[in-house]
Amino acid sequence: MELTVRKEDMVKGLGKSQSVVERRTSMPILSNVLLEAEGERLIVAATDLETSFTGECAARVSKPGKVTVPARKLYEIVKELPADEIYIKEKSNNFLHISAGRASFDLVGLSAEDFPNLPKIKGMAQLSLAGPVLAEMIEKTIFSISQEDTRYNLAGLFVQQRKSDDKFYLRFVSTDGHRLSLVDRAFEGLGDLELGNGVIIPRKGVAEMRKMAEESEELRLGLSQSYATLTQDQSKLILRIQEGTFPDYEVVVPKVIKKSVVVNRQAFSDVLRRVAILATDRFQGVKLDFKEGLLEVISQNPDLGEAREALEVDYDGEALSVGFNARYFMELCAAMRSEEVSLGFVDEQHPCLIKGEADQGFISVIMPMRL
């Protein structure tokens, strides 16, 4: 393999591969990035066997070929090279020579034959959508994906296809057992996707989707029972669908609200952040005391003391006192856009339903806790 490539193009491709590469693995090849030169392009690929990335850029290829080298070190080298064009040549024993200006490196690699074959997906129906829309849908759900890998059916984003009033909606749902986030968006072309009863995209893959969505104006999303793909120009993510059955989340969503409170989202988040300073580190439990026109947030910690702060709210019901994890509300407020948010309650034992006018199609449910 021998080629010349623009530094800017290679940095961009390698940068996108970094978070896909496995840092700690019993398979050293998964810490490497695959470089393949063919025609007039350089292909960059990385995988952890569940999430895969491929990207390509224009190159002047003198000799086609492929090799794998440590992804992080190659990225660091290429970023620091002092010239706009980089010369790359494969040497014997899988060494890769990299030079630009007066700087040169010889990097130890591994045979490309040992690199896992990336999934070859053909004929999958794809949906065109705006990057900012997809980024917002993920932002509204990613924070409540379970961090416990033992609960594998919750450690991902549940994606469903819904139909209402002759419109197809793409629904994202996430839950960690203590809270739930759900967002719907209408798209044309959704009817072509084959989602069955829904699929689960693993947490790491969802994070990679958000990065690509934040950097793109237009994307193509492909979904099937086995894989999800996200394509933007010459970059492509391939995500293996997680096995398992997502729980019946609809039973958690309160159907009837008996008490409703309207609060200023930013003011509510600020009060929670201050009062939670004295809450216990693990659960960050705070008590929300609602009275007519007023909310008092209280935290009590036997080792540190007590904190309380009042906030004016729109509420004219009976007194209500409920305990919650403050962090759940703070993360939710950060993901929402509405200036005012509505907190709906049945009673002290049932979950709280949160909505906002500027967050159409989005609801969140947070379970109460005993303090």
Protein backbone atom coordinates (compact mmCIF):
# COMPACT_ATOMS: atom_id res chain seq x y z
CA MET A 1 0.00 0.00 0.00
CA GLU A 2 1.31 3.43 -0.96
CA LEU A 3 -0.58 6.71 -1.17
CA THR A 4 -0.71 10.44 -0.53
CA VAL A 5 -3.65 12.02 1.28
CA ARG A 6 -4.62 15.43 2.64
CA LYS A 7 -3.98 15.73 6.36
CA GLU A 8 -7.32 17.46 6.98
CA ASP A 9 -9.28 14.64 5.36
CA MET A 10 -7.45 11.90 7.25
CA VAL A 11 -7.76 13.65 10.61
CA LYS A 12 -11.51 13.91 10.10
CA GLY A 13 -11.93 10.22 9.28
CA LEU A 14 -9.66 9.01 12.07
CA GLY A 15 -11.33 11.33 14.58
CA LYS A 16 -14.73 9.79 13.95
CA SER A 17 -13.34 6.29 14.47
CA GLN A 18 -11.75 6.91 17.87
CA SER A 19 -14.78 6.36 20.11
CA VAL A 20 -15.73 3.18 18.23
CA VAL A 21 -12.37 1.49 18.78
CA GLU A 22 -12.11 -0.78 21.81
CA ARG A 23 -9.62 0.62 24.35
CA ARG A 24 -9.44 -2.42 26.62
CA THR A 25 -9.91 -5.70 24.86
CA SER A 26 -8.59 -9.24 24.81
CA MET A 27 -8.46 -8.90 21.00
CA PRO A 28 -5.64 -6.43 20.14
CA ILE A 29 -6.92 -6.10 16.57
CA LEU A 30 -10.00 -4.26 17.90
CA SER A 31 -7.73 -1.46 19.16
CA ASN A 32 -6.58 -0.95 15.58
CA VAL A 33 -8.04 0.95 12.69
CA LEU A 34 -8.11 -0.61 9.22
CA LEU A 35 -6.65 1.46 6.38
CA GLU A 36 -7.49 0.29 2.87
CA ALA A 37 -6.28 2.06 -0.27
CA GLU A 38 -8.05 1.36 -3.55
CA GLY A 39 -8.85 3.32 -6.70
CA GLU A 40 -8.62 6.97 -5.72
CA ARG A 41 -9.68 6.70 -2.11
CA LEU A 42 -8.54 5.73 1.37
CA ILE A 43 -11.05 3.81 3.49
CA VAL A 44 -10.87 4.00 7.29
CA ALA A 45 -12.71 1.35 9.34
CA ALA A 46 -13.07 0.58 13.05
CA THR A 47 -15.22 -1.88 15.00
CA ASP A 48 -15.83 -3.33 18.45
CA LEU A 49 -17.95 -6.12 16.87
CA GLU A 50 -21.17 -4.37 17.94
CA THR A 51 -20.57 -0.85 16.56
CA SER A 52 -18.70 -0.32 13.29
CA PHE A 53 -17.59 2.83 11.47
CA THR A 54 -16.39 3.30 7.91
CA GLY A 55 -15.30 6.51 6.26
CA GLU A 56 -13.45 7.37 3.11
CA CYS A 57 -11.54 10.28 1.64
CA ALA A 58 -9.88 11.10 -1.67
CA ALA A 59 -6.28 9.93 -2.05
CA ARG A 60 -3.62 9.51 -4.74
CA VAL A 61 -3.05 5.78 -4.55
CA SER A 62 0.20 4.51 -6.06
CA LYS A 63 -0.23 0.97 -4.78
CA PRO A 64 -3.46 -0.50 -3.37
CA GLY A 65 -3.44 -2.53 -0.17
CA LYS A 66 -4.59 -2.61 3.42
CA VAL A 67 -3.13 -2.76 6.91
CA THR A 68 -4.23 -2.17 10.50
CA VAL A 69 -2.40 0.03 13.02
CA PRO A 70 -3.17 1.30 16.56
CA ALA A 71 -6.04 3.75 16.11
CA ARG A 72 -5.21 6.20 18.89
CA LYS A 73 -1.49 6.49 18.05
CA LEU A 74 -2.15 6.94 14.35
CA TYR A 75 -4.66 9.71 15.11
CA GLU A 76 -2.20 11.48 17.42
CA ILE A 77 0.57 11.24 14.83
CA VAL A 78 -1.53 12.51 11.93
CA LYS A 79 -2.89 15.45 13.97
CA GLU A 80 0.65 16.63 14.77
CA LEU A 81 2.25 16.25 11.32
CA PRO A 82 3.65 19.57 10.06
CA ALA A 83 2.48 19.48 6.42
CA ASP A 84 -0.87 19.53 4.60
CA GLU A 85 -0.17 16.32 2.69
CA ILE A 86 0.76 12.97 4.19
CA TYR A 87 2.71 10.18 2.51
CA ILE A 88 1.84 6.64 3.68
CA LYS A 89 3.53 3.40 2.70
CA GLU A 90 3.15 -0.13 3.98
CA LYS A 91 6.48 -1.79 4.79
CA SER A 92 7.34 -5.38 5.57
CA ASN A 93 5.93 -7.14 8.66
CA ASN A 94 2.88 -4.83 8.75
CA PHE A 95 4.87 -1.70 9.58
CA LEU A 96 3.33 1.52 8.31
CA HIS A 97 5.55 4.43 7.28
CA ILE A 98 3.97 7.87 7.71
CA SER A 99 5.70 11.10 6.74
CA ALA A 100 4.97 14.77 6.13
CA GLY A 101 7.50 17.57 5.79
CA ARG A 102 10.60 16.52 7.74
CA ALA A 103 8.71 14.31 10.18
CA SER A 104 8.44 10.55 9.70
CA PHE A 105 7.09 7.66 11.75
CA ASP A 106 7.16 3.89 11.41
CA LEU A 107 4.19 2.41 13.25
CA VAL A 108 3.86 -1.26 14.19
CA GLY A 109 0.69 -2.79 12.77
CA LEU A 110 -1.18 -6.08 12.51
CA SER A 111 -2.24 -8.02 9.44
CA ALA A 112 -5.43 -6.79 7.80
CA GLU A 113 -6.41 -10.45 7.39
CA ASP A 114 -7.09 -10.62 11.13
CA PHE A 115 -9.42 -7.61 11.12
CA PRO A 116 -13.09 -8.65 11.58
CA ASN A 117 -15.27 -8.55 8.49
CA LEU A 118 -17.70 -5.67 8.73
CA PRO A 119 -21.38 -6.48 8.12
CA LYS A 120 -22.37 -6.18 4.48
CA ILE A 121 -25.87 -4.76 4.36
CA LYS A 122 -27.78 -4.54 1.11
CA GLY A 123 -31.35 -3.62 0.33
CA MET A 124 -32.14 -2.09 3.73
CA ALA A 125 -34.87 0.56 3.57
CA GLN A 126 -33.55 3.99 4.61
CA LEU A 127 -35.19 7.09 5.96
CA SER A 128 -33.91 10.60 5.15
CA LEU A 129 -34.02 12.96 8.10
CA ALA A 130 -32.43 16.15 9.34
CA GLY A 131 -29.41 15.81 11.62
CA PRO A 132 -30.69 18.36 14.19
CA VAL A 133 -34.01 16.47 14.50
CA LEU A 134 -32.30 13.13 15.14
CA ALA A 135 -29.87 14.78 17.57
CA GLU A 136 -32.79 16.27 19.53
CA MET A 137 -34.62 12.93 19.70
CA ILE A 138 -31.51 11.23 21.06
CA GLU A 139 -30.79 14.08 23.49
CA LYS A 140 -34.29 13.67 24.94
CA THR A 141 -33.85 9.93 25.59
CA ILE A 142 -30.17 8.99 25.98
CA PHE A 143 -29.86 10.16 29.59
CA SER A 144 -32.40 7.62 30.85
CA ILE A 145 -30.86 4.57 29.15
CA SER A 146 -29.79 2.10 31.83
CA GLN A 147 -26.07 2.13 32.67
CA GLU A 148 -26.26 -1.44 34.00
CA ASP A 149 -25.10 -3.86 31.34
CA THR A 150 -26.62 -6.75 33.29
CA ARG A 151 -30.04 -5.34 32.38
CA TYR A 152 -29.20 -5.73 28.71
CA ASN A 153 -32.76 -5.16 27.47
CA LEU A 154 -32.73 -1.70 29.12
CA ALA A 155 -29.15 -0.81 28.16
CA GLY A 156 -30.23 0.62 24.83
CA LEU A 157 -32.72 2.79 22.98
CA PHE A 158 -36.01 1.17 21.99
CA VAL A 159 -37.12 2.25 18.51
CA GLN A 160 -40.66 1.72 17.28
CA GLN A 161 -42.74 2.59 14.25
CA ARG A 162 -46.17 3.97 15.17
CA LYS A 163 -49.15 5.05 13.08
CA SER A 164 -51.78 7.61 14.07
CA ASP A 165 -54.16 9.70 11.96
CA ASP A 166 -52.66 8.27 8.75
CA LYS A 167 -49.20 9.48 9.79
CA PHE A 168 -46.20 7.32 10.59
CA TYR A 169 -44.19 8.24 13.68
CA LEU A 170 -40.74 7.17 14.77
CA ARG A 171 -40.74 6.60 18.53
CA PHE A 172 -37.66 6.51 20.78
CA VAL A 173 -38.10 5.13 24.31
CA SER A 174 -35.56 4.65 27.09
CA THR A 175 -35.79 3.60 30.72
CA ASP A 176 -33.50 2.51 33.53
CA GLY A 177 -36.34 1.23 35.71
CA HIS A 178 -36.53 4.48 37.71
CA ARG A 179 -37.47 6.90 34.93
CA LEU A 180 -38.67 6.81 31.34
CA SER A 181 -38.30 9.11 28.35
CA LEU A 182 -40.39 8.93 25.18
CA VAL A 183 -40.36 11.05 22.03
CA ASP A 184 -42.37 10.77 18.79
CA ARG A 185 -41.62 12.43 15.44
CA ALA A 186 -43.54 12.12 12.18
CA PHE A 187 -41.50 11.24 9.06
CA GLU A 188 -42.32 10.38 5.49
CA GLY A 189 -41.06 7.02 4.29
CA LEU A 190 -41.33 5.35 7.69
CA GLY A 191 -43.73 2.77 6.32
CA ASP A 192 -40.87 1.14 4.38
CA LEU A 193 -38.90 0.24 7.50
CA GLU A 194 -39.17 -3.30 8.86
CA LEU A 195 -39.19 -2.82 12.62
CA GLY A 196 -41.77 -5.39 13.65
CA ASN A 197 -42.53 -4.82 17.34
CA GLY A 198 -39.51 -2.56 17.72
CA VAL A 199 -35.74 -2.90 18.05
CA ILE A 200 -33.15 -1.99 20.70
CA ILE A 201 -30.05 -0.02 19.68
CA PRO A 202 -27.20 -0.47 22.23
CA ARG A 203 -26.19 2.52 24.39
CA LYS A 204 -22.75 2.97 22.80
CA GLY A 205 -24.26 2.94 19.32
CA VAL A 206 -26.79 5.59 20.34
CA ALA A 207 -23.95 7.85 21.55
CA GLU A 208 -22.20 7.44 18.19
CA MET A 209 -25.44 8.27 16.37
CA ARG A 210 -25.77 11.48 18.36
CA LYS A 211 -22.23 12.58 17.43
CA MET A 212 -22.87 12.04 13.74
CA ALA A 213 -26.27 13.75 13.92
CA GLU A 214 -24.80 16.80 15.64
CA GLU A 215 -22.27 17.21 12.82
CA SER A 216 -24.68 16.69 9.92
CA GLU A 217 -27.51 18.54 8.22
CA GLU A 218 -28.96 15.51 6.45
CA LEU A 219 -28.65 11.80 7.25
CA ARG A 220 -30.02 8.47 6.12
CA LEU A 221 -31.22 6.12 8.83
CA GLY A 222 -31.67 2.43 8.08
CA LEU A 223 -33.38 0.06 10.49
CA SER A 224 -34.07 -3.66 10.41
CA GLN A 225 -34.43 -6.52 12.88
CA SER A 226 -30.66 -7.14 12.79
CA TYR A 227 -28.89 -3.83 12.16
CA ALA A 228 -29.26 -0.07 12.28
CA THR A 229 -27.24 2.12 9.92
CA LEU A 230 -26.61 5.85 9.84
CA THR A 231 -25.02 7.38 6.75
CA GLN A 232 -23.74 10.89 6.11
CA ASP A 233 -21.81 11.56 2.88
CA GLN A 234 -18.87 9.14 2.99
CA SER A 235 -19.24 8.17 6.66
CA LYS A 236 -21.31 5.22 7.83
CA LEU A 237 -22.20 3.68 11.20
CA ILE A 238 -23.38 0.08 11.41
CA LEU A 239 -24.93 -0.95 14.73
CA ARG A 240 -25.87 -4.48 15.69
CA ILE A 241 -29.38 -4.62 17.16
CA GLN A 242 -29.42 -5.78 20.77
CA GLU A 243 -31.18 -9.02 21.62
CA GLY A 244 -33.91 -9.06 24.23
CA THR A 245 -37.45 -7.83 24.72
CA PHE A 246 -38.08 -4.28 25.85
CA PRO A 247 -40.57 -4.10 28.74
CA ASP A 248 -44.15 -2.94 28.30
CA TYR A 249 -43.35 0.70 29.02
CA GLU A 250 -46.87 2.02 28.41
CA VAL A 251 -48.16 0.58 31.69
CA VAL A 252 -45.83 2.98 33.55
CA VAL A 253 -47.22 6.15 31.95
CA PRO A 254 -50.02 7.63 34.11
CA LYS A 255 -53.31 7.72 32.19
CA VAL A 256 -55.15 10.08 34.55
CA ILE A 257 -53.55 13.12 36.22
CA LYS A 258 -55.23 14.39 39.40
CA LYS A 259 -52.80 17.15 40.38
CA SER A 260 -50.85 19.36 37.97
CA VAL A 261 -48.05 21.81 38.77
CA VAL A 262 -46.47 24.27 36.31
CA VAL A 263 -42.90 25.35 37.09
CA ASN A 264 -40.27 27.44 35.36
CA ARG A 265 -37.86 24.85 33.99
CA GLN A 266 -34.62 26.75 34.55
CA ALA A 267 -35.57 28.04 38.01
CA PHE A 268 -36.65 24.54 39.06
CA SER A 269 -33.36 23.05 37.86
CA ASP A 270 -31.33 25.74 39.65
CA VAL A 271 -33.13 25.15 42.96
CA LEU A 272 -32.65 21.40 42.69
CA ARG A 273 -28.95 21.81 41.97
CA ARG A 274 -28.42 23.99 45.05
CA VAL A 275 -30.49 21.91 47.46
CA ALA A 276 -28.97 18.63 46.22
CA ILE A 277 -25.53 19.77 47.42
CA LEU A 278 -26.42 18.35 50.85
CA ALA A 279 -28.30 15.31 49.57
CA THR A 280 -26.75 11.86 49.93
CA ASP A 281 -24.20 11.26 47.18
CA ARG A 282 -25.61 8.01 45.86
CA PHE A 283 -29.33 8.73 45.52
CA GLN A 284 -29.46 12.54 45.68
CA GLY A 285 -32.88 12.30 47.27
CA VAL A 286 -34.86 15.52 47.79
CA LYS A 287 -38.38 16.10 49.02
CA LEU A 288 -40.76 18.24 46.95
CA ASP A 289 -43.41 19.88 49.13
CA PHE A 290 -46.21 21.45 47.05
CA LYS A 291 -48.61 23.97 48.57
CA GLU A 292 -50.86 26.52 46.93
CA GLY A 293 -48.62 28.70 44.72
CA LEU A 294 -45.41 27.37 46.28
CA LEU A 295 -42.91 24.52 45.99
CA GLU A 296 -40.37 23.90 48.74
CA VAL A 297 -37.42 21.65 47.89
CA ILE A 298 -35.75 20.00 50.92
CA SER A 299 -32.74 17.74 51.40
CA GLN A 300 -31.68 16.19 54.70
CA ASN A 301 -28.39 14.42 55.29
CA PRO A 302 -27.59 13.15 58.80
CA ASP A 303 -23.86 13.55 58.12
CA LEU A 304 -23.98 17.04 56.59
CA GLY A 305 -27.15 18.87 57.54
CA GLU A 306 -30.24 20.23 55.83
CA ALA A 307 -30.99 22.47 52.84
CA ARG A 308 -34.28 23.96 51.69
CA GLU A 309 -35.40 26.53 49.13
CA ALA A 310 -38.82 27.74 48.00
CA LEU A 311 -39.98 28.44 44.45
CA GLU A 312 -43.20 30.05 43.24
CA VAL A 313 -45.26 27.69 41.07
CA ASP A 314 -48.67 27.50 39.45
CA TYR A 315 -50.50 25.10 41.77
CA ASP A 316 -53.83 25.39 43.59
CA GLY A 317 -54.45 21.82 44.74
CA GLU A 318 -54.13 20.10 48.09
CA ALA A 319 -50.74 19.85 49.81
CA LEU A 320 -48.52 17.18 48.28
CA SER A 321 -45.15 15.86 49.47
CA VAL A 322 -43.09 13.50 47.27
CA GLY A 323 -39.47 12.32 47.30
CA PHE A 324 -37.39 12.13 44.11
CA ASN A 325 -33.85 11.73 42.88
CA ALA A 326 -32.87 15.35 42.09
CA ARG A 327 -30.46 14.30 39.35
CA TYR A 328 -33.29 12.75 37.33
CA PHE A 329 -35.13 16.07 37.18
CA MET A 330 -31.95 18.08 36.47
CA GLU A 331 -30.99 15.85 33.53
CA LEU A 332 -34.54 16.03 32.22
CA CYS A 333 -34.65 19.84 32.47
CA ALA A 334 -31.34 20.04 30.56
CA ALA A 335 -32.84 18.02 27.69
CA MET A 336 -36.10 19.98 27.43
CA ARG A 337 -36.67 23.31 25.66
CA SER A 338 -39.94 24.54 27.17
CA GLU A 339 -39.71 27.59 29.39
CA GLU A 340 -42.50 26.20 31.58
CA VAL A 341 -42.93 22.49 32.30
CA SER A 342 -45.92 20.62 33.69
CA LEU A 343 -45.53 18.07 36.49
CA GLY A 344 -48.51 15.71 36.70
CA PHE A 345 -49.29 13.58 39.77
CA VAL A 346 -51.82 10.96 40.75
CA ASP A 347 -50.65 10.80 44.38
CA GLU A 348 -47.45 10.38 46.43
CA GLN A 349 -46.93 6.74 45.40
CA HIS A 350 -47.38 7.00 41.62
CA PRO A 351 -44.83 8.32 39.09
CA CYS A 352 -44.67 11.94 37.97
CA LEU A 353 -45.50 12.74 34.32
CA ILE A 354 -43.54 15.65 32.82
CA LYS A 355 -44.43 17.57 29.63
CA GLY A 356 -43.70 20.91 28.00
CA GLU A 357 -45.42 22.88 25.23
CA ALA A 358 -42.19 23.50 23.32
CA ASP A 359 -41.32 19.78 23.55
CA GLN A 360 -44.07 18.40 21.36
CA GLY A 361 -44.21 14.60 21.17
CA PHE A 362 -42.08 14.23 24.30
CA ILE A 363 -43.02 12.96 27.75
CA SER A 364 -41.00 11.76 30.70
CA VAL A 365 -41.95 9.69 33.72
CA ILE A 366 -40.00 9.70 37.00
CA MET A 367 -40.67 7.25 39.83
CA PRO A 368 -40.90 8.62 43.39
CA MET A 369 -38.58 7.42 46.14
CA ARG A 370 -38.89 6.97 49.88
CA LEU A 371 -36.83 9.37 51.98
